[in-house]
Amino acid sequence: IHEVVGSNATSKYGYVLTEHMDYN
């Protein structure tokens, strides 16, 4: 998350974190 936050601070894009949830 720290790497992503650092990248987000200098990016022209917003980010959506979408973690894997694969039940079963």
PDB file of all heavy atoms in Angstrom:
ATOM      1  N   ILE A   1       0.827  -1.196   0.000  1.00  0.00           N
ATOM      2  CA  ILE A   1       0.000   0.000   0.000  1.00  0.00           C
ATOM      3  C   ILE A   1       0.866   1.253   0.000  1.00  0.00           C
ATOM      4  O   ILE A   1       0.517   2.268  -0.628  1.00  0.00           O
ATOM      5  CB  ILE A   1      -0.975  -0.002   1.207  1.00  0.00           C
ATOM      6  CG1 ILE A   1      -1.909   1.201   1.162  1.00  0.00           C
ATOM      7  CG2 ILE A   1      -0.209  -0.052   2.522  1.00  0.00           C
ATOM      8  CD1 ILE A   1      -2.813   1.257  -0.035  1.00  0.00           C
ATOM      9  N   HIS A   2       2.001   1.202   0.642  1.00  0.00           N
ATOM     10  CA  HIS A   2       2.882   2.375   0.704  1.00  0.00           C
ATOM     11  C   HIS A   2       3.447   2.705  -0.675  1.00  0.00           C
ATOM     12  O   HIS A   2       3.544   3.883  -1.052  1.00  0.00           O
ATOM     13  CB  HIS A   2       4.006   2.128   1.706  1.00  0.00           C
ATOM     14  CG  HIS A   2       3.508   1.784   3.082  1.00  0.00           C
ATOM     15  ND1 HIS A   2       2.867   2.698   3.882  1.00  0.00           N
ATOM     16  CD2 HIS A   2       3.530   0.615   3.772  1.00  0.00           C
ATOM     17  CE1 HIS A   2       2.522   2.117   5.028  1.00  0.00           C
ATOM     18  NE2 HIS A   2       2.920   0.859   4.981  1.00  0.00           N
ATOM     19  N   GLU A   3       3.778   1.684  -1.445  1.00  0.00           N
ATOM     20  CA  GLU A   3       4.255   1.906  -2.803  1.00  0.00           C
ATOM     21  C   GLU A   3       3.151   2.476  -3.687  1.00  0.00           C
ATOM     22  O   GLU A   3       3.386   3.375  -4.502  1.00  0.00           O
ATOM     23  CB  GLU A   3       4.787   0.599  -3.396  1.00  0.00           C
ATOM     24  CG  GLU A   3       6.060   0.101  -2.745  1.00  0.00           C
ATOM     25  CD  GLU A   3       6.446  -1.288  -3.225  1.00  0.00           C
ATOM     26  OE1 GLU A   3       5.623  -2.223  -3.069  1.00  0.00           O
ATOM     27  OE2 GLU A   3       7.566  -1.437  -3.757  1.00  0.00           O
ATOM     28  N   VAL A   4       1.959   1.977  -3.512  1.00  0.00           N
ATOM     29  CA  VAL A   4       0.833   2.454  -4.315  1.00  0.00           C
ATOM     30  C   VAL A   4       0.490   3.897  -3.953  1.00  0.00           C
ATOM     31  O   VAL A   4       0.247   4.732  -4.837  1.00  0.00           O
ATOM     32  CB  VAL A   4      -0.388   1.539  -4.123  1.00  0.00           C
ATOM     33  CG1 VAL A   4      -1.633   2.153  -4.761  1.00  0.00           C
ATOM     34  CG2 VAL A   4      -0.112   0.161  -4.720  1.00  0.00           C
ATOM     35  N   VAL A   5       0.484   4.204  -2.673  1.00  0.00           N
ATOM     36  CA  VAL A   5       0.210   5.578  -2.243  1.00  0.00           C
ATOM     37  C   VAL A   5       1.263   6.534  -2.800  1.00  0.00           C
ATOM     38  O   VAL A   5       0.947   7.637  -3.269  1.00  0.00           O
ATOM     39  CB  VAL A   5       0.157   5.658  -0.704  1.00  0.00           C
ATOM     40  CG1 VAL A   5       0.174   7.107  -0.230  1.00  0.00           C
ATOM     41  CG2 VAL A   5      -1.089   4.954  -0.179  1.00  0.00           C
ATOM     42  N   GLY A   6       2.532   6.115  -2.772  1.00  0.00           N
ATOM     43  CA  GLY A   6       3.592   6.948  -3.328  1.00  0.00           C
ATOM     44  C   GLY A   6       3.413   7.187  -4.819  1.00  0.00           C
ATOM     45  O   GLY A   6       3.590   8.300  -5.315  1.00  0.00           O
ATOM     46  N   SER A   7       3.024   6.138  -5.545  1.00  0.00           N
ATOM     47  CA  SER A   7       2.777   6.268  -6.972  1.00  0.00           C
ATOM     48  C   SER A   7       1.578   7.173  -7.242  1.00  0.00           C
ATOM     49  O   SER A   7       1.603   8.017  -8.147  1.00  0.00           O
ATOM     50  CB  SER A   7       2.529   4.878  -7.579  1.00  0.00           C
ATOM     51  OG  SER A   7       2.080   4.968  -8.912  1.00  0.00           O
ATOM     52  N   ASN A   8       0.537   7.014  -6.446  1.00  0.00           N
ATOM     53  CA  ASN A   8      -0.681   7.797  -6.628  1.00  0.00           C
ATOM     54  C   ASN A   8      -0.429   9.294  -6.450  1.00  0.00           C
ATOM     55  O   ASN A   8      -1.048  10.128  -7.131  1.00  0.00           O
ATOM     56  CB  ASN A   8      -1.733   7.310  -5.638  1.00  0.00           C
ATOM     57  CG  ASN A   8      -3.089   7.958  -5.840  1.00  0.00           C
ATOM     58  OD1 ASN A   8      -3.689   8.457  -4.892  1.00  0.00           O
ATOM     59  ND2 ASN A   8      -3.592   7.959  -7.061  1.00  0.00           N
ATOM     60  N   ALA A   9       0.511   9.640  -5.562  1.00  0.00           N
ATOM     61  CA  ALA A   9       0.795  11.051  -5.272  1.00  0.00           C
ATOM     62  C   ALA A   9       1.339  11.793  -6.486  1.00  0.00           C
ATOM     63  O   ALA A   9       1.161  13.015  -6.605  1.00  0.00           O
ATOM     64  CB  ALA A   9       1.778  11.151  -4.105  1.00  0.00           C
ATOM     65  N   THR A  10       1.984  11.070  -7.391  1.00  0.00           N
ATOM     66  CA  THR A  10       2.595  11.719  -8.560  1.00  0.00           C
ATOM     67  C   THR A  10       1.893  11.368  -9.868  1.00  0.00           C
ATOM     68  O   THR A  10       2.317  11.815 -10.937  1.00  0.00           O
ATOM     69  CB  THR A  10       4.077  11.317  -8.668  1.00  0.00           C
ATOM     70  OG1 THR A  10       4.186   9.893  -8.794  1.00  0.00           O
ATOM     71  CG2 THR A  10       4.851  11.778  -7.433  1.00  0.00           C
ATOM     72  N   SER A  11       0.835  10.592  -9.797  1.00  0.00           N
ATOM     73  CA  SER A  11       0.138  10.146 -11.003  1.00  0.00           C
ATOM     74  C   SER A  11      -0.983  11.114 -11.380  1.00  0.00           C
ATOM     75  O   SER A  11      -1.595  11.752 -10.515  1.00  0.00           O
ATOM     76  CB  SER A  11      -0.459   8.752 -10.780  1.00  0.00           C
ATOM     77  OG  SER A  11      -1.222   8.342 -11.903  1.00  0.00           O
ATOM     78  N   LYS A  12      -1.275  11.200 -12.659  1.00  0.00           N
ATOM     79  CA  LYS A  12      -2.426  12.001 -13.102  1.00  0.00           C
ATOM     80  C   LYS A  12      -3.730  11.226 -12.957  1.00  0.00           C
ATOM     81  O   LYS A  12      -4.809  11.785 -13.169  1.00  0.00           O
ATOM     82  CB  LYS A  12      -2.244  12.455 -14.540  1.00  0.00           C
ATOM     83  CG  LYS A  12      -2.253  11.347 -15.588  1.00  0.00           C
ATOM     84  CD  LYS A  12      -2.101  11.939 -16.988  1.00  0.00           C
ATOM     85  CE  LYS A  12      -2.132  10.877 -18.072  1.00  0.00           C
ATOM     86  NZ  LYS A  12      -2.011  11.462 -19.437  1.00  0.00           N
ATOM     87  N   TYR A  13      -3.621   9.947 -12.587  1.00  0.00           N
ATOM     88  CA  TYR A  13      -4.801   9.110 -12.453  1.00  0.00           C
ATOM     89  C   TYR A  13      -5.126   8.854 -10.988  1.00  0.00           C
ATOM     90  O   TYR A  13      -4.237   8.748 -10.141  1.00  0.00           O
ATOM     91  CB  TYR A  13      -4.582   7.754 -13.127  1.00  0.00           C
ATOM     92  CG  TYR A  13      -4.295   7.841 -14.601  1.00  0.00           C
ATOM     93  CD1 TYR A  13      -3.020   7.572 -15.090  1.00  0.00           C
ATOM     94  CD2 TYR A  13      -5.292   8.192 -15.510  1.00  0.00           C
ATOM     95  CE1 TYR A  13      -2.749   7.652 -16.453  1.00  0.00           C
ATOM     96  CE2 TYR A  13      -5.030   8.270 -16.874  1.00  0.00           C
ATOM     97  CZ  TYR A  13      -3.753   8.005 -17.338  1.00  0.00           C
ATOM     98  OH  TYR A  13      -3.486   8.088 -18.677  1.00  0.00           O
ATOM     99  N   GLY A  14      -6.410   8.711 -10.698  1.00  0.00           N
ATOM    100  CA  GLY A  14      -6.814   8.146  -9.435  1.00  0.00           C
ATOM    101  C   GLY A  14      -6.697   6.632  -9.504  1.00  0.00           C
ATOM    102  O   GLY A  14      -6.597   6.056 -10.592  1.00  0.00           O
ATOM    103  N   TYR A  15      -6.717   5.966  -8.344  1.00  0.00           N
ATOM    104  CA  TYR A  15      -6.564   4.520  -8.284  1.00  0.00           C
ATOM    105  C   TYR A  15      -7.740   3.892  -7.531  1.00  0.00           C
ATOM    106  O   TYR A  15      -8.240   4.453  -6.555  1.00  0.00           O
ATOM    107  CB  TYR A  15      -5.293   4.127  -7.528  1.00  0.00           C
ATOM    108  CG  TYR A  15      -3.971   4.530  -8.140  1.00  0.00           C
ATOM    109  CD1 TYR A  15      -2.791   4.341  -7.419  1.00  0.00           C
ATOM    110  CD2 TYR A  15      -3.870   5.093  -9.411  1.00  0.00           C
ATOM    111  CE1 TYR A  15      -1.553   4.693  -7.947  1.00  0.00           C
ATOM    112  CE2 TYR A  15      -2.647   5.447  -9.948  1.00  0.00           C
ATOM    113  CZ  TYR A  15      -1.494   5.260  -9.210  1.00  0.00           C
ATOM    114  OH  TYR A  15      -0.260   5.614  -9.746  1.00  0.00           O
ATOM    115  N   VAL A  16      -8.144   2.717  -7.987  1.00  0.00           N
ATOM    116  CA  VAL A  16      -9.068   1.884  -7.219  1.00  0.00           C
ATOM    117  C   VAL A  16      -8.355   0.576  -6.899  1.00  0.00           C
ATOM    118  O   VAL A  16      -7.952  -0.152  -7.811  1.00  0.00           O
ATOM    119  CB  VAL A  16     -10.368   1.588  -7.984  1.00  0.00           C
ATOM    120  CG1 VAL A  16     -11.327   0.817  -7.070  1.00  0.00           C
ATOM    121  CG2 VAL A  16     -11.036   2.858  -8.491  1.00  0.00           C
ATOM    122  N   LEU A  17      -8.197   0.280  -5.614  1.00  0.00           N
ATOM    123  CA  LEU A  17      -7.642  -1.004  -5.205  1.00  0.00           C
ATOM    124  C   LEU A  17      -8.745  -2.057  -5.326  1.00  0.00           C
ATOM    125  O   LEU A  17      -9.865  -1.846  -4.856  1.00  0.00           O
ATOM    126  CB  LEU A  17      -7.125  -0.941  -3.767  1.00  0.00           C
ATOM    127  CG  LEU A  17      -6.102   0.157  -3.456  1.00  0.00           C
ATOM    128  CD1 LEU A  17      -5.591   0.018  -2.026  1.00  0.00           C
ATOM    129  CD2 LEU A  17      -4.942   0.127  -4.438  1.00  0.00           C
ATOM    130  N   THR A  18      -8.426  -3.172  -5.949  1.00  0.00           N
ATOM    131  CA  THR A  18      -9.433  -4.217  -6.206  1.00  0.00           C
ATOM    132  C   THR A  18      -8.835  -5.574  -5.864  1.00  0.00           C
ATOM    133  O   THR A  18      -8.415  -6.317  -6.741  1.00  0.00           O
ATOM    134  CB  THR A  18      -9.896  -4.186  -7.675  1.00  0.00           C
ATOM    135  OG1 THR A  18      -8.739  -4.195  -8.533  1.00  0.00           O
ATOM    136  CG2 THR A  18     -10.705  -2.931  -7.971  1.00  0.00           C
ATOM    137  N   GLU A  19      -8.806  -5.870  -4.584  1.00  0.00           N
ATOM    138  CA  GLU A  19      -8.146  -7.090  -4.123  1.00  0.00           C
ATOM    139  C   GLU A  19      -8.960  -8.331  -4.500  1.00  0.00           C
ATOM    140  O   GLU A  19     -10.177  -8.301  -4.593  1.00  0.00           O
ATOM    141  CB  GLU A  19      -7.923  -7.036  -2.616  1.00  0.00           C
ATOM    142  CG  GLU A  19      -7.276  -5.753  -2.115  1.00  0.00           C
ATOM    143  CD  GLU A  19      -5.902  -5.449  -2.701  1.00  0.00           C
ATOM    144  OE1 GLU A  19      -5.344  -6.295  -3.413  1.00  0.00           O
ATOM    145  OE2 GLU A  19      -5.378  -4.346  -2.429  1.00  0.00           O
ATOM    146  N   HIS A  20      -8.230  -9.425  -4.705  1.00  0.00           N
ATOM    147  CA  HIS A  20      -8.862 -10.682  -5.101  1.00  0.00           C
ATOM    148  C   HIS A  20      -9.723 -11.266  -3.987  1.00  0.00           C
ATOM    149  O   HIS A  20      -9.264 -11.428  -2.856  1.00  0.00           O
ATOM    150  CB  HIS A  20      -7.787 -11.737  -5.411  1.00  0.00           C
ATOM    151  CG  HIS A  20      -7.052 -11.518  -6.684  1.00  0.00           C
ATOM    152  ND1 HIS A  20      -7.661 -11.541  -7.917  1.00  0.00           N
ATOM    153  CD2 HIS A  20      -5.735 -11.290  -6.927  1.00  0.00           C
ATOM    154  CE1 HIS A  20      -6.753 -11.331  -8.855  1.00  0.00           C
ATOM    155  NE2 HIS A  20      -5.583 -11.173  -8.282  1.00  0.00           N
ATOM    156  N   MET A  21     -10.963 -11.607  -4.340  1.00  0.00           N
ATOM    157  CA  MET A  21     -11.814 -12.372  -3.440  1.00  0.00           C
ATOM    158  C   MET A  21     -12.443 -13.499  -4.256  1.00  0.00           C
ATOM    159  O   MET A  21     -13.440 -13.308  -4.961  1.00  0.00           O
ATOM    160  CB  MET A  21     -12.901 -11.498  -2.823  1.00  0.00           C
ATOM    161  CG  MET A  21     -13.723 -12.233  -1.786  1.00  0.00           C
ATOM    162  SD  MET A  21     -12.796 -12.578  -0.261  1.00  0.00           S
ATOM    163  CE  MET A  21     -13.112 -11.084   0.671  1.00  0.00           C
ATOM    164  N   ASP A  22     -11.815 -14.662  -4.217  1.00  0.00           N
ATOM    165  CA  ASP A  22     -12.299 -15.831  -4.962  1.00  0.00           C
ATOM    166  C   ASP A  22     -12.745 -16.898  -3.968  1.00  0.00           C
ATOM    167  O   ASP A  22     -11.972 -17.778  -3.588  1.00  0.00           O
ATOM    168  CB  ASP A  22     -11.192 -16.380  -5.868  1.00  0.00           C
ATOM    169  CG  ASP A  22     -11.018 -15.588  -7.147  1.00  0.00           C
ATOM    170  OD1 ASP A  22     -10.714 -14.387  -7.078  1.00  0.00           O
ATOM    171  OD2 ASP A  22     -11.194 -16.172  -8.223  1.00  0.00           O
ATOM    172  N   TYR A  23     -13.990 -16.804  -3.548  1.00  0.00           N
ATOM    173  CA  TYR A  23     -14.523 -17.800  -2.642  1.00  0.00           C
ATOM    174  C   TYR A  23     -14.556 -19.175  -3.324  1.00  0.00           C
ATOM    175  O   TYR A  23     -14.813 -19.291  -4.516  1.00  0.00           O
ATOM    176  CB  TYR A  23     -15.935 -17.435  -2.215  1.00  0.00           C
ATOM    177  CG  TYR A  23     -16.043 -16.190  -1.366  1.00  0.00           C
ATOM    178  CD1 TYR A  23     -16.648 -15.036  -1.861  1.00  0.00           C
ATOM    179  CD2 TYR A  23     -15.557 -16.161  -0.063  1.00  0.00           C
ATOM    180  CE1 TYR A  23     -16.763 -13.894  -1.078  1.00  0.00           C
ATOM    181  CE2 TYR A  23     -15.652 -15.032   0.727  1.00  0.00           C
ATOM    182  CZ  TYR A  23     -16.263 -13.901   0.208  1.00  0.00           C
ATOM    183  OH  TYR A  23     -16.378 -12.761   0.992  1.00  0.00           O
ATOM    184  N   ASN A  24     -14.289 -20.203  -2.541  1.00  0.00           N
ATOM    185  CA  ASN A  24     -14.314 -21.605  -3.005  1.00  0.00           C
ATOM    186  C   ASN A  24     -13.216 -21.895  -4.018  1.00  0.00           C
ATOM    187  O   ASN A  24     -13.309 -22.881  -4.758  1.00  0.00           O
ATOM    188  CB  ASN A  24     -15.680 -21.976  -3.597  1.00  0.00           C
ATOM    189  CG  ASN A  24     -16.806 -21.841  -2.603  1.00  0.00           C
ATOM    190  OD1 ASN A  24     -16.589 -21.523  -1.439  1.00  0.00           O
ATOM    191  ND2 ASN A  24     -18.029 -22.082  -3.051  1.00  0.00           N
TER     192      ASN A  24
END
